[in-house]
Amino acid sequence: MAGPPQYKWFFETTTPVEGHMHAISRTIATRQTRFQFMEIMETHSYGKVLILDGRIQSSQADEFIYHEVLVQPGLLAHPHPRRAMVIGGGEGATVREILRHRSITGCLMVDIDGEVVAECRKHLPEMHRGAFDDPRTRLLHEDARAYLEKTSDRFDLIVIDLVEPLEEGPACLLFTKEFYSLVRDRLTADGVMTMQAGMTKVNELFFFGAVNRTLREVFPVVAPYQGFISCFGTPWGFILASKGADPRRQTAEEIDRLLAARLDPADLGYWNGAAHLHSFNLPKFITRAIETNDRIITDADPLIVS
């Protein structure tokens, strides 16, 4: 009589005292780049996954949730988005979501790690779906902050899709008041910024709260929201910041109407008017954690996630 199947397991530590296990069917690629250790594996539950420095970034089965939640609110908060920028976004799925909107004429992706992007382009076509080859896409491999400091370009949407600052290094300076001020200054008058901002589960809200508090020093409108990402095993926080547009004032009917006018809503698997209301209406313990957090992240006093 055959026993239970013997799996190889990948264990992801989500906090110093918690983790999440995935059964692995095969390892597709591993690479130590100049900046991080990259793995692409295939899991039994979620298909292919991208892992950077031991942390899952996205999975084939549910990346649509993460990337729609990250991108769509920002585009829908803008009256007529044309030019977008993605900071990070190695898999190309963030760019893919932006390009769904017919009004987009150009999308610049600045990801410092060209080796990761090359591996994703080769091994994760299910995620980027040809976004790198779209004529509207422009790809640069350089430091995003340095690029923003020197460019005179302005963008209707800037999406920050970066790993959290796990150690003191270049990433730390992409989560500070000074950096967010630079982002604000590179937005058009109606410009919007969205970003991923860490976990929103009980006892792990300090980073989410600190980023919110820091952004309030820079932007007049800061709207936190969340979504549950199954392969992460935890709810995840996002933030929309703008010079005036507030997604919390948009109704479900307005969101559905905008989607129907700007893209094919059938192409989306998660975002619609109901999901919009659900995401921006946060429970009391999260809003309380945000309101009571007074940590402002600066270049001189960066925040490191453990």
Protein backbone atom coordinates (compact mmCIF):
# COMPACT_ATOMS: atom_id res chain seq x y z
CA MET A 1 0.00 0.00 0.00
CA ALA A 2 1.49 3.29 -1.09
CA GLY A 3 2.10 5.89 1.55
CA PRO A 4 1.39 9.62 1.28
CA PRO A 5 3.30 11.54 -1.42
CA GLN A 6 6.69 12.85 -0.35
CA TYR A 7 6.99 16.53 -1.20
CA LYS A 8 9.87 18.94 -1.16
CA TRP A 9 8.87 22.00 0.82
CA PHE A 10 9.68 25.69 0.61
CA PHE A 11 9.26 27.45 3.95
CA GLU A 12 8.79 31.20 3.83
CA THR A 13 9.26 33.13 7.04
CA THR A 14 6.69 35.92 7.04
CA THR A 15 7.84 37.19 10.44
CA PRO A 16 10.68 36.10 12.77
CA VAL A 17 8.19 33.75 14.49
CA GLU A 18 5.79 32.74 11.69
CA GLY A 19 5.91 31.21 8.26
CA HIS A 20 4.05 29.61 5.39
CA MET A 21 4.88 26.31 3.64
CA HIS A 22 4.54 25.43 -0.04
CA ALA A 23 5.05 22.02 -1.62
CA ILE A 24 7.46 22.36 -4.55
CA SER A 25 7.20 20.28 -7.71
CA ARG A 26 10.33 21.66 -9.39
CA THR A 27 12.92 24.41 -9.28
CA ILE A 28 13.04 26.32 -12.56
CA ALA A 29 15.83 28.84 -11.95
CA THR A 30 18.07 30.12 -9.17
CA ARG A 31 20.43 33.03 -9.42
CA GLN A 32 22.45 35.24 -7.12
CA THR A 33 22.29 38.63 -8.78
CA ARG A 34 24.26 41.69 -7.83
CA PHE A 35 21.37 42.77 -5.61
CA GLN A 36 19.47 39.70 -4.34
CA PHE A 37 19.01 35.93 -4.45
CA MET A 38 16.32 34.98 -6.96
CA GLU A 39 14.46 31.68 -7.28
CA ILE A 40 11.67 30.67 -9.65
CA MET A 41 9.91 27.51 -8.52
CA GLU A 42 6.76 25.62 -9.41
CA THR A 43 4.46 24.83 -6.49
CA HIS A 44 1.70 22.27 -6.32
CA SER A 45 -0.90 24.81 -5.14
CA TYR A 46 -0.07 28.03 -6.99
CA GLY A 47 1.98 27.11 -10.05
CA LYS A 48 5.10 29.15 -10.72
CA VAL A 49 6.31 31.55 -8.02
CA LEU A 50 8.97 34.25 -7.98
CA ILE A 51 11.02 34.33 -4.77
CA LEU A 52 13.48 37.08 -3.85
CA ASP A 53 15.72 36.68 -0.80
CA GLY A 54 13.47 33.94 0.54
CA ARG A 55 10.21 35.88 0.16
CA ILE A 56 7.52 35.06 -2.39
CA GLN A 57 6.74 38.04 -4.62
CA SER A 58 3.95 36.57 -6.74
CA SER A 59 2.44 33.30 -7.90
CA GLN A 60 0.96 32.22 -11.19
CA ALA A 61 -2.40 31.34 -9.62
CA ASP A 62 -3.15 34.54 -7.72
CA GLU A 63 -0.83 37.27 -8.97
CA PHE A 64 -3.86 38.79 -10.69
CA ILE A 65 -5.19 39.72 -7.25
CA TYR A 66 -1.98 41.44 -6.15
CA HIS A 67 -1.38 43.28 -9.40
CA GLU A 68 -4.97 44.41 -9.98
CA VAL A 69 -5.17 45.70 -6.39
CA LEU A 70 -1.83 47.47 -6.82
CA VAL A 71 -2.57 49.12 -10.16
CA GLN A 72 -6.26 49.55 -10.96
CA PRO A 73 -7.25 51.98 -8.14
CA GLY A 74 -4.56 54.44 -9.22
CA LEU A 75 -5.58 54.44 -12.86
CA LEU A 76 -9.27 54.74 -11.98
CA ALA A 77 -8.59 57.70 -9.68
CA HIS A 78 -7.09 59.67 -12.60
CA PRO A 79 -9.42 61.37 -15.10
CA HIS A 80 -7.43 60.36 -18.20
CA PRO A 81 -4.15 58.52 -17.53
CA ARG A 82 -1.68 58.51 -20.38
CA ARG A 83 1.86 58.16 -19.03
CA ALA A 84 2.79 55.74 -16.25
CA MET A 85 5.93 54.67 -14.43
CA VAL A 86 6.62 51.44 -12.54
CA ILE A 87 9.39 51.34 -9.95
CA GLY A 88 10.44 47.70 -9.54
CA GLY A 89 7.90 45.24 -10.90
CA GLY A 90 10.32 42.55 -12.12
CA GLU A 91 7.76 40.03 -13.39
CA GLY A 92 6.23 42.56 -15.80
CA ALA A 93 2.72 41.97 -14.47
CA THR A 94 2.45 45.49 -13.06
CA VAL A 95 3.16 46.90 -16.52
CA ARG A 96 0.68 44.42 -17.99
CA GLU A 97 -2.09 45.77 -15.74
CA ILE A 98 -1.32 49.37 -16.71
CA LEU A 99 -1.34 48.56 -20.43
CA ARG A 100 -4.89 47.19 -20.19
CA HIS A 101 -6.09 50.81 -20.18
CA ARG A 102 -6.61 52.06 -23.71
CA SER A 103 -5.67 55.63 -22.77
CA ILE A 104 -2.10 54.66 -21.82
CA THR A 105 0.41 55.88 -24.40
CA GLY A 106 3.62 55.01 -22.53
CA CYS A 107 4.77 53.01 -19.52
CA LEU A 108 8.30 53.28 -18.17
CA MET A 109 9.54 50.46 -15.93
CA VAL A 110 12.65 51.14 -13.86
CA ASP A 111 13.95 48.03 -12.12
CA ILE A 112 17.54 48.07 -10.90
CA ASP A 113 17.96 44.29 -11.21
CA GLY A 114 18.15 43.44 -14.88
CA GLU A 115 19.08 39.84 -14.12
CA VAL A 116 15.80 39.21 -12.31
CA VAL A 117 13.83 40.88 -15.09
CA ALA A 118 15.59 38.73 -17.71
CA GLU A 119 14.77 35.52 -15.81
CA CYS A 120 11.14 36.58 -15.35
CA ARG A 121 10.87 37.49 -19.00
CA LYS A 122 12.14 34.01 -19.92
CA HIS A 123 10.38 31.84 -17.35
CA LEU A 124 7.20 33.72 -16.39
CA PRO A 125 5.35 34.53 -19.63
CA GLU A 126 2.12 33.66 -17.80
CA MET A 127 2.66 36.80 -15.71
CA HIS A 128 3.97 39.43 -18.12
CA ARG A 129 1.94 38.16 -21.12
CA GLY A 130 4.09 40.03 -23.60
CA ALA A 131 4.06 43.36 -21.73
CA PHE A 132 7.81 43.81 -22.24
CA ASP A 133 7.31 43.64 -26.01
CA ASP A 134 4.47 46.14 -26.13
CA PRO A 135 5.59 49.26 -28.06
CA ARG A 136 4.29 51.45 -25.23
CA THR A 137 6.74 49.85 -22.75
CA ARG A 138 10.17 51.29 -22.02
CA LEU A 139 12.52 49.37 -19.68
CA LEU A 140 15.47 50.79 -17.75
CA HIS A 141 17.81 49.02 -15.33
CA GLU A 142 19.04 51.71 -12.97
CA ASP A 143 18.37 53.20 -9.58
CA ALA A 144 14.84 54.61 -9.63
CA ARG A 145 15.61 57.42 -7.21
CA ALA A 146 18.56 58.58 -9.30
CA TYR A 147 16.35 58.49 -12.38
CA LEU A 148 13.64 60.60 -10.74
CA GLU A 149 16.23 63.10 -9.50
CA LYS A 150 17.55 63.75 -13.00
CA THR A 151 14.46 63.43 -15.21
CA SER A 152 12.12 66.22 -16.23
CA ASP A 153 9.41 63.71 -17.21
CA ARG A 154 6.01 63.81 -15.53
CA PHE A 155 3.69 60.87 -15.02
CA ASP A 156 -0.04 60.47 -14.46
CA LEU A 157 0.58 57.31 -12.42
CA ILE A 158 3.64 56.09 -10.54
CA VAL A 159 3.43 52.57 -9.11
CA ILE A 160 6.00 51.52 -6.51
CA ASP A 161 6.28 47.74 -6.57
CA LEU A 162 9.34 47.02 -4.44
CA VAL A 163 10.38 44.47 -1.83
CA GLU A 164 10.37 45.84 1.69
CA PRO A 165 13.71 47.20 3.00
CA LEU A 166 15.01 44.03 4.68
CA GLU A 167 18.43 45.47 5.34
CA GLU A 168 20.13 48.82 5.19
CA GLY A 169 20.90 49.50 1.55
CA PRO A 170 19.54 51.24 -1.57
CA ALA A 171 15.96 49.99 -0.99
CA CYS A 172 15.83 51.86 2.31
CA LEU A 173 16.00 55.16 0.47
CA LEU A 174 12.89 54.27 -1.59
CA PHE A 175 10.63 54.33 1.48
CA THR A 176 11.45 57.77 2.90
CA LYS A 177 9.79 61.17 3.08
CA GLU A 178 12.44 62.57 0.74
CA PHE A 179 11.79 59.88 -1.87
CA TYR A 180 8.02 60.29 -1.70
CA SER A 181 8.50 64.04 -2.14
CA LEU A 182 10.45 63.31 -5.30
CA VAL A 183 7.65 61.03 -6.54
CA ARG A 184 5.07 63.75 -5.85
CA ASP A 185 7.09 66.29 -7.80
CA ARG A 186 7.27 63.95 -10.82
CA LEU A 187 3.49 63.51 -10.96
CA THR A 188 1.24 65.60 -13.17
CA ALA A 189 -1.37 67.89 -11.59
CA ASP A 190 -3.89 65.03 -11.38
CA GLY A 191 -1.18 62.44 -10.78
CA VAL A 192 -1.59 59.44 -8.51
CA MET A 193 0.87 57.13 -6.76
CA THR A 194 0.12 53.57 -5.61
CA MET A 195 2.38 51.16 -3.75
CA GLN A 196 2.50 47.89 -1.89
CA ALA A 197 3.08 48.54 1.80
CA GLY A 198 3.53 45.27 3.66
CA MET A 199 1.34 43.04 5.79
CA THR A 200 -1.90 44.13 7.43
CA LYS A 201 -2.34 41.23 9.83
CA VAL A 202 -2.64 41.52 13.58
CA ASN A 203 0.67 42.38 15.31
CA GLU A 204 2.40 43.24 12.01
CA LEU A 205 1.04 46.70 11.26
CA PHE A 206 3.92 48.95 12.22
CA PHE A 207 5.49 49.17 8.75
CA PHE A 208 2.12 49.80 7.09
CA GLY A 209 1.34 52.52 9.63
CA ALA A 210 4.76 54.16 9.32
CA VAL A 211 4.55 54.38 5.53
CA ASN A 212 1.07 55.89 5.81
CA ARG A 213 2.30 58.42 8.37
CA THR A 214 5.29 59.32 6.20
CA LEU A 215 3.16 59.81 3.09
CA ARG A 216 0.84 62.17 4.99
CA GLU A 217 3.84 64.49 5.35
CA VAL A 218 4.01 64.69 1.54
CA PHE A 219 0.58 64.18 -0.05
CA PRO A 220 -2.76 65.84 0.78
CA VAL A 221 -4.63 62.58 0.10
CA VAL A 222 -3.37 59.27 1.52
CA ALA A 223 -5.79 56.34 1.18
CA PRO A 224 -4.72 52.99 2.67
CA TYR A 225 -6.36 49.78 1.49
CA GLN A 226 -5.77 46.02 1.50
CA GLY A 227 -6.31 42.70 -0.22
CA PHE A 228 -5.81 39.08 0.78
CA ILE A 229 -3.07 37.39 -1.25
CA SER A 230 -3.51 33.65 -0.83
CA CYS A 231 0.02 32.52 -1.65
CA PHE A 232 1.39 35.01 0.90
CA GLY A 233 -0.86 33.47 3.55
CA THR A 234 -1.67 36.92 4.91
CA PRO A 235 -3.64 40.09 4.08
CA TRP A 236 -1.52 42.70 2.35
CA GLY A 237 -1.52 46.47 2.54
CA PHE A 238 -1.46 49.00 -0.28
CA ILE A 239 -1.61 52.80 -0.34
CA LEU A 240 -2.88 55.32 -2.87
CA ALA A 241 -1.55 58.87 -2.52
CA SER A 242 -2.51 61.81 -4.68
CA LYS A 243 -2.60 65.57 -5.03
CA GLY A 244 -6.39 65.61 -4.76
CA ALA A 245 -8.20 62.54 -6.06
CA ASP A 246 -9.62 60.39 -3.26
CA PRO A 247 -10.67 56.83 -4.18
CA ARG A 248 -12.72 56.60 -0.99
CA ARG A 249 -15.20 59.03 -2.55
CA GLN A 250 -15.76 56.86 -5.61
CA THR A 251 -18.88 54.69 -5.61
CA ALA A 252 -19.07 51.10 -6.78
CA GLU A 253 -21.21 52.23 -9.70
CA GLU A 254 -18.61 54.81 -10.74
CA ILE A 255 -15.80 52.23 -10.64
CA ASP A 256 -17.78 49.77 -12.77
CA ARG A 257 -18.64 52.53 -15.23
CA LEU A 258 -15.00 53.61 -15.54
CA LEU A 259 -13.83 50.05 -16.06
CA ALA A 260 -16.37 49.50 -18.82
CA ALA A 261 -15.24 52.69 -20.57
CA ARG A 262 -11.48 52.25 -20.25
CA LEU A 263 -10.75 48.54 -20.73
CA ASP A 264 -12.47 45.18 -21.06
CA PRO A 265 -13.71 44.36 -17.53
CA ALA A 266 -13.83 40.67 -18.49
CA ASP A 267 -10.01 40.74 -18.54
CA LEU A 268 -9.95 41.43 -14.79
CA GLY A 269 -10.38 38.65 -12.27
CA TYR A 270 -10.62 40.68 -9.06
CA TRP A 271 -11.19 44.42 -9.33
CA ASN A 272 -14.66 45.92 -9.72
CA GLY A 273 -16.87 48.33 -7.81
CA ALA A 274 -17.59 45.89 -5.00
CA ALA A 275 -13.91 44.98 -4.58
CA HIS A 276 -13.05 48.70 -4.51
CA LEU A 277 -15.41 49.38 -1.59
CA HIS A 278 -14.25 46.25 0.22
CA SER A 279 -10.56 47.15 -0.12
CA PHE A 280 -10.77 50.76 1.07
CA ASN A 281 -13.11 50.09 4.01
CA LEU A 282 -10.60 48.93 6.58
CA PRO A 283 -11.46 47.29 9.92
CA LYS A 284 -11.07 49.19 13.18
CA PHE A 285 -7.83 47.57 14.34
CA ILE A 286 -6.04 48.60 11.14
CA THR A 287 -7.33 52.19 11.11
CA ARG A 288 -6.43 52.49 14.80
CA ALA A 289 -2.89 51.24 14.11
CA ILE A 290 -2.52 53.79 11.31
CA GLU A 291 -3.90 56.68 13.35
CA THR A 292 -1.65 56.00 16.34
CA ASN A 293 1.59 55.49 14.41
CA ASP A 294 3.77 58.60 14.54
CA ARG A 295 6.89 57.16 12.85
CA ILE A 296 8.11 59.30 9.96
CA ILE A 297 10.66 57.52 7.75
CA THR A 298 13.48 59.74 6.50
CA ASP A 299 16.80 59.36 4.73
CA ALA A 300 18.55 60.01 8.03
CA ASP A 301 16.29 57.60 9.91
CA PRO A 302 15.26 54.75 7.57
CA LEU A 303 13.07 51.84 8.57
CA ILE A 304 14.30 48.24 8.29
CA VAL A 305 11.77 45.39 8.19
CA SER A 306 12.77 42.31 10.19
